């Protein structure tokens, strides 16, 4: 398996951070904020 590039590593870290935030928003019952984080994850993935 090839090593992960620094750019991809940073992207994965951003996705992981947004995922954690989305899960906290969902646990708090804030579906609007949850959706914002999910949308942000989609944008990072599309980069």
PDB file of N, CA and C in Angstrom:
ATOM      1  N   UNK A   1       0.848  -1.171   0.000  1.00  0.00           N
ATOM      2  CA  UNK A   1       0.000   0.000   0.000  1.00  0.00           C
ATOM      3  C   UNK A   1       0.899   1.241   0.000  1.00  0.00           C
ATOM      4  N   UNK A   2       0.664   2.168  -0.934  1.00  0.00           N
ATOM      5  CA  UNK A   2       1.514   3.366  -0.994  1.00  0.00           C
ATOM      6  C   UNK A   2       1.258   4.297   0.188  1.00  0.00           C
ATOM      7  N   UNK A   3       2.257   5.081   0.544  1.00  0.00           N
ATOM      8  CA  UNK A   3       2.067   6.024   1.653  1.00  0.00           C
ATOM      9  C   UNK A   3       1.050   7.103   1.282  1.00  0.00           C
ATOM     10  N   UNK A   4       0.414   7.659   2.291  1.00  0.00           N
ATOM     11  CA  UNK A   4      -0.570   8.724   2.092  1.00  0.00           C
ATOM     12  C   UNK A   4       0.178  10.047   1.968  1.00  0.00           C
ATOM     13  N   UNK A   5      -0.166  10.814   0.946  1.00  0.00           N
ATOM     14  CA  UNK A   5       0.496  12.104   0.752  1.00  0.00           C
ATOM     15  C   UNK A   5       0.089  13.066   1.871  1.00  0.00           C
ATOM     16  N   UNK A   6       0.896  14.084   2.056  1.00  0.00           N
ATOM     17  CA  UNK A   6       0.608  15.083   3.100  1.00  0.00           C
ATOM     18  C   UNK A   6      -0.722  15.776   2.828  1.00  0.00           C
ATOM     19  N   UNK A   7      -1.014  16.060   1.566  1.00  0.00           N
ATOM     20  CA  UNK A   7      -2.276  16.707   1.196  1.00  0.00           C
ATOM     21  C   UNK A   7      -3.462  15.822   1.564  1.00  0.00           C
ATOM     22  N   UNK A   8      -3.361  14.531   1.235  1.00  0.00           N
ATOM     23  CA  UNK A   8      -4.444  13.606   1.566  1.00  0.00           C
ATOM     24  C   UNK A   8      -4.578  13.433   3.075  1.00  0.00           C
ATOM     25  N   UNK A   9      -3.459  13.430   3.773  1.00  0.00           N
ATOM     26  CA  UNK A   9      -3.492  13.293   5.232  1.00  0.00           C
ATOM     27  C   UNK A   9      -4.234  14.484   5.859  1.00  0.00           C
ATOM     28  N   UNK A  10      -3.937  15.689   5.364  1.00  0.00           N
ATOM     29  CA  UNK A  10      -4.619  16.887   5.874  1.00  0.00           C
ATOM     30  C   UNK A  10      -6.116  16.829   5.574  1.00  0.00           C
ATOM     31  N   UNK A  11      -6.454  16.347   4.387  1.00  0.00           N
ATOM     32  CA  UNK A  11      -7.858  16.214   3.994  1.00  0.00           C
ATOM     33  C   UNK A  11      -8.580  15.231   4.927  1.00  0.00           C
ATOM     34  N   UNK A  12      -7.936  14.104   5.207  1.00  0.00           N
ATOM     35  CA  UNK A  12      -8.525  13.110   6.105  1.00  0.00           C
ATOM     36  C   UNK A  12      -8.708  13.669   7.512  1.00  0.00           C
ATOM     37  N   UNK A  13      -7.752  14.460   7.966  1.00  0.00           N
ATOM     38  CA  UNK A  13      -7.864  15.072   9.292  1.00  0.00           C
ATOM     39  C   UNK A  13      -9.038  16.044   9.342  1.00  0.00           C
ATOM     40  N   UNK A  14      -9.230  16.826   8.266  1.00  0.00           N
ATOM     41  CA  UNK A  14     -10.366  17.758   8.217  1.00  0.00           C
ATOM     42  C   UNK A  14     -11.685  17.000   8.209  1.00  0.00           C
ATOM     43  N   UNK A  15     -11.744  15.904   7.443  1.00  0.00           N
ATOM     44  CA  UNK A  15     -12.960  15.096   7.396  1.00  0.00           C
ATOM     45  C   UNK A  15     -13.244  14.500   8.770  1.00  0.00           C
ATOM     46  N   UNK A  16     -12.225  13.990   9.433  1.00  0.00           N
ATOM     47  CA  UNK A  16     -12.407  13.395  10.758  1.00  0.00           C
ATOM     48  C   UNK A  16     -12.908  14.431  11.758  1.00  0.00           C
ATOM     49  N   UNK A  17     -12.353  15.645  11.699  1.00  0.00           N
ATOM     50  CA  UNK A  17     -12.786  16.715  12.597  1.00  0.00           C
ATOM     51  C   UNK A  17     -14.248  17.074  12.333  1.00  0.00           C
ATOM     52  N   UNK A  18     -14.601  17.234  11.064  1.00  0.00           N
ATOM     53  CA  UNK A  18     -15.985  17.568  10.722  1.00  0.00           C
ATOM     54  C   UNK A  18     -16.934  16.443  11.122  1.00  0.00           C
ATOM     55  N   UNK A  19     -16.500  15.200  10.961  1.00  0.00           N
ATOM     56  CA  UNK A  19     -17.317  14.054  11.348  1.00  0.00           C
ATOM     57  C   UNK A  19     -17.586  14.074  12.856  1.00  0.00           C
ATOM     58  N   UNK A  20     -16.542  14.329  13.639  1.00  0.00           N
ATOM     59  CA  UNK A  20     -16.716  14.412  15.096  1.00  0.00           C
ATOM     60  C   UNK A  20     -17.699  15.517  15.463  1.00  0.00           C
ATOM     61  N   UNK A  21     -17.566  16.665  14.826  1.00  0.00           N
ATOM     62  CA  UNK A  21     -18.471  17.779  15.098  1.00  0.00           C
ATOM     63  C   UNK A  21     -19.898  17.434  14.698  1.00  0.00           C
ATOM     64  N   UNK A  22     -20.044  16.751  13.562  1.00  0.00           N
ATOM     65  CA  UNK A  22     -21.378  16.340  13.108  1.00  0.00           C
ATOM     66  C   UNK A  22     -22.009  15.386  14.111  1.00  0.00           C
ATOM     67  N   UNK A  23     -21.234  14.456  14.620  1.00  0.00           N
ATOM     68  CA  UNK A  23     -21.768  13.498  15.588  1.00  0.00           C
ATOM     69  C   UNK A  23     -22.197  14.190  16.878  1.00  0.00           C
ATOM     70  N   UNK A  24     -21.422  15.184  17.311  1.00  0.00           N
ATOM     71  CA  UNK A  24     -21.797  15.929  18.519  1.00  0.00           C
ATOM     72  C   UNK A  24     -23.072  16.725  18.288  1.00  0.00           C
ATOM     73  N   UNK A  25     -23.207  17.322  17.111  1.00  0.00           N
ATOM     74  CA  UNK A  25     -24.421  18.083  16.786  1.00  0.00           C
ATOM     75  C   UNK A  25     -25.625  17.153  16.749  1.00  0.00           C
ATOM     76  N   UNK A  26     -25.452  15.975  16.175  1.00  0.00           N
ATOM     77  CA  UNK A  26     -26.543  15.007  16.105  1.00  0.00           C
ATOM     78  C   UNK A  26     -26.934  14.539  17.504  1.00  0.00           C
ATOM     79  N   UNK A  27     -25.954  14.272  18.342  1.00  0.00           N
ATOM     80  CA  UNK A  27     -26.232  13.838  19.714  1.00  0.00           C
ATOM     81  C   UNK A  27     -26.972  14.916  20.493  1.00  0.00           C
ATOM     82  N   UNK A  28     -26.695  16.182  20.160  1.00  0.00           N
ATOM     83  CA  UNK A  28     -27.367  17.300  20.830  1.00  0.00           C
ATOM     84  C   UNK A  28     -28.740  17.580  20.219  1.00  0.00           C
ATOM     85  N   UNK A  29     -29.066  16.866  19.143  1.00  0.00           N
ATOM     86  CA  UNK A  29     -30.362  17.050  18.510  1.00  0.00           C
ATOM     87  C   UNK A  29     -30.440  18.239  17.570  1.00  0.00           C
ATOM     88  N   UNK A  30     -29.293  18.795  17.197  1.00  0.00           N
ATOM     89  CA  UNK A  30     -29.264  19.958  16.303  1.00  0.00           C
ATOM     90  C   UNK A  30     -29.087  19.475  14.865  1.00  0.00           C
ATOM     91  N   UNK A  31     -30.211  19.145  14.228  1.00  0.00           N
ATOM     92  CA  UNK A  31     -30.151  18.572  12.889  1.00  0.00           C
ATOM     93  C   UNK A  31     -29.664  19.572  11.845  1.00  0.00           C
ATOM     94  N   UNK A  32     -29.949  20.852  12.045  1.00  0.00           N
ATOM     95  CA  UNK A  32     -29.476  21.870  11.115  1.00  0.00           C
ATOM     96  C   UNK A  32     -27.961  21.953  11.106  1.00  0.00           C
ATOM     97  N   UNK A  33     -27.369  21.989  12.287  1.00  0.00           N
ATOM     98  CA  UNK A  33     -25.910  22.038  12.394  1.00  0.00           C
ATOM     99  C   UNK A  33     -25.293  20.739  11.880  1.00  0.00           C
ATOM    100  N   UNK A  34     -25.928  19.624  12.190  1.00  0.00           N
ATOM    101  CA  UNK A  34     -25.472  18.327  11.687  1.00  0.00           C
ATOM    102  C   UNK A  34     -25.396  18.361  10.157  1.00  0.00           C
ATOM    103  N   UNK A  35     -26.449  18.860   9.513  1.00  0.00           N
ATOM    104  CA  UNK A  35     -26.489  18.912   8.051  1.00  0.00           C
ATOM    105  C   UNK A  35     -25.391  19.814   7.497  1.00  0.00           C
ATOM    106  N   UNK A  36     -25.109  20.911   8.199  1.00  0.00           N
ATOM    107  CA  UNK A  36     -24.033  21.803   7.753  1.00  0.00           C
ATOM    108  C   UNK A  36     -22.692  21.074   7.751  1.00  0.00           C
ATOM    109  N   UNK A  37     -22.448  20.284   8.789  1.00  0.00           N
ATOM    110  CA  UNK A  37     -21.192  19.537   8.857  1.00  0.00           C
ATOM    111  C   UNK A  37     -21.139  18.456   7.781  1.00  0.00           C
ATOM    112  N   UNK A  38     -22.261  17.779   7.543  1.00  0.00           N
ATOM    113  CA  UNK A  38     -22.305  16.760   6.492  1.00  0.00           C
ATOM    114  C   UNK A  38     -22.027  17.402   5.131  1.00  0.00           C
ATOM    115  N   UNK A  39     -22.625  18.563   4.889  1.00  0.00           N
ATOM    116  CA  UNK A  39     -22.373  19.278   3.634  1.00  0.00           C
ATOM    117  C   UNK A  39     -20.902  19.674   3.516  1.00  0.00           C
ATOM    118  N   UNK A  40     -20.317  20.116   4.626  1.00  0.00           N
ATOM    119  CA  UNK A  40     -18.902  20.504   4.622  1.00  0.00           C
ATOM    120  C   UNK A  40     -18.013  19.298   4.322  1.00  0.00           C
ATOM    121  N   UNK A  41     -18.364  18.139   4.859  1.00  0.00           N
ATOM    122  CA  UNK A  41     -17.606  16.920   4.564  1.00  0.00           C
ATOM    123  C   UNK A  41     -17.672  16.633   3.066  1.00  0.00           C
ATOM    124  N   UNK A  42     -18.849  16.766   2.484  1.00  0.00           N
ATOM    125  CA  UNK A  42     -19.002  16.544   1.047  1.00  0.00           C
ATOM    126  C   UNK A  42     -18.124  17.465   0.223  1.00  0.00           C
ATOM    127  N   UNK A  43     -18.003  18.714   0.651  1.00  0.00           N
ATOM    128  CA  UNK A  43     -17.158  19.670  -0.071  1.00  0.00           C
ATOM    129  C   UNK A  43     -15.681  19.284   0.025  1.00  0.00           C
ATOM    130  N   UNK A  44     -15.264  18.843   1.198  1.00  0.00           N
ATOM    131  CA  UNK A  44     -13.865  18.435   1.368  1.00  0.00           C
ATOM    132  C   UNK A  44     -13.577  17.211   0.496  1.00  0.00           C
ATOM    133  N   UNK A  45     -14.500  16.264   0.475  1.00  0.00           N
ATOM    134  CA  UNK A  45     -14.310  15.056  -0.329  1.00  0.00           C
ATOM    135  C   UNK A  45     -14.214  15.409  -1.810  1.00  0.00           C
ATOM    136  N   UNK A  46     -15.005  16.387  -2.243  1.00  0.00           N
ATOM    137  CA  UNK A  46     -15.043  16.769  -3.658  1.00  0.00           C
ATOM    138  C   UNK A  46     -13.809  17.559  -4.104  1.00  0.00           C
ATOM    139  N   UNK A  47     -13.034  18.066  -3.165  1.00  0.00           N
ATOM    140  CA  UNK A  47     -11.843  18.871  -3.517  1.00  0.00           C
ATOM    141  C   UNK A  47     -10.831  18.062  -4.302  1.00  0.00           C
TER     142      UNK A  47
END
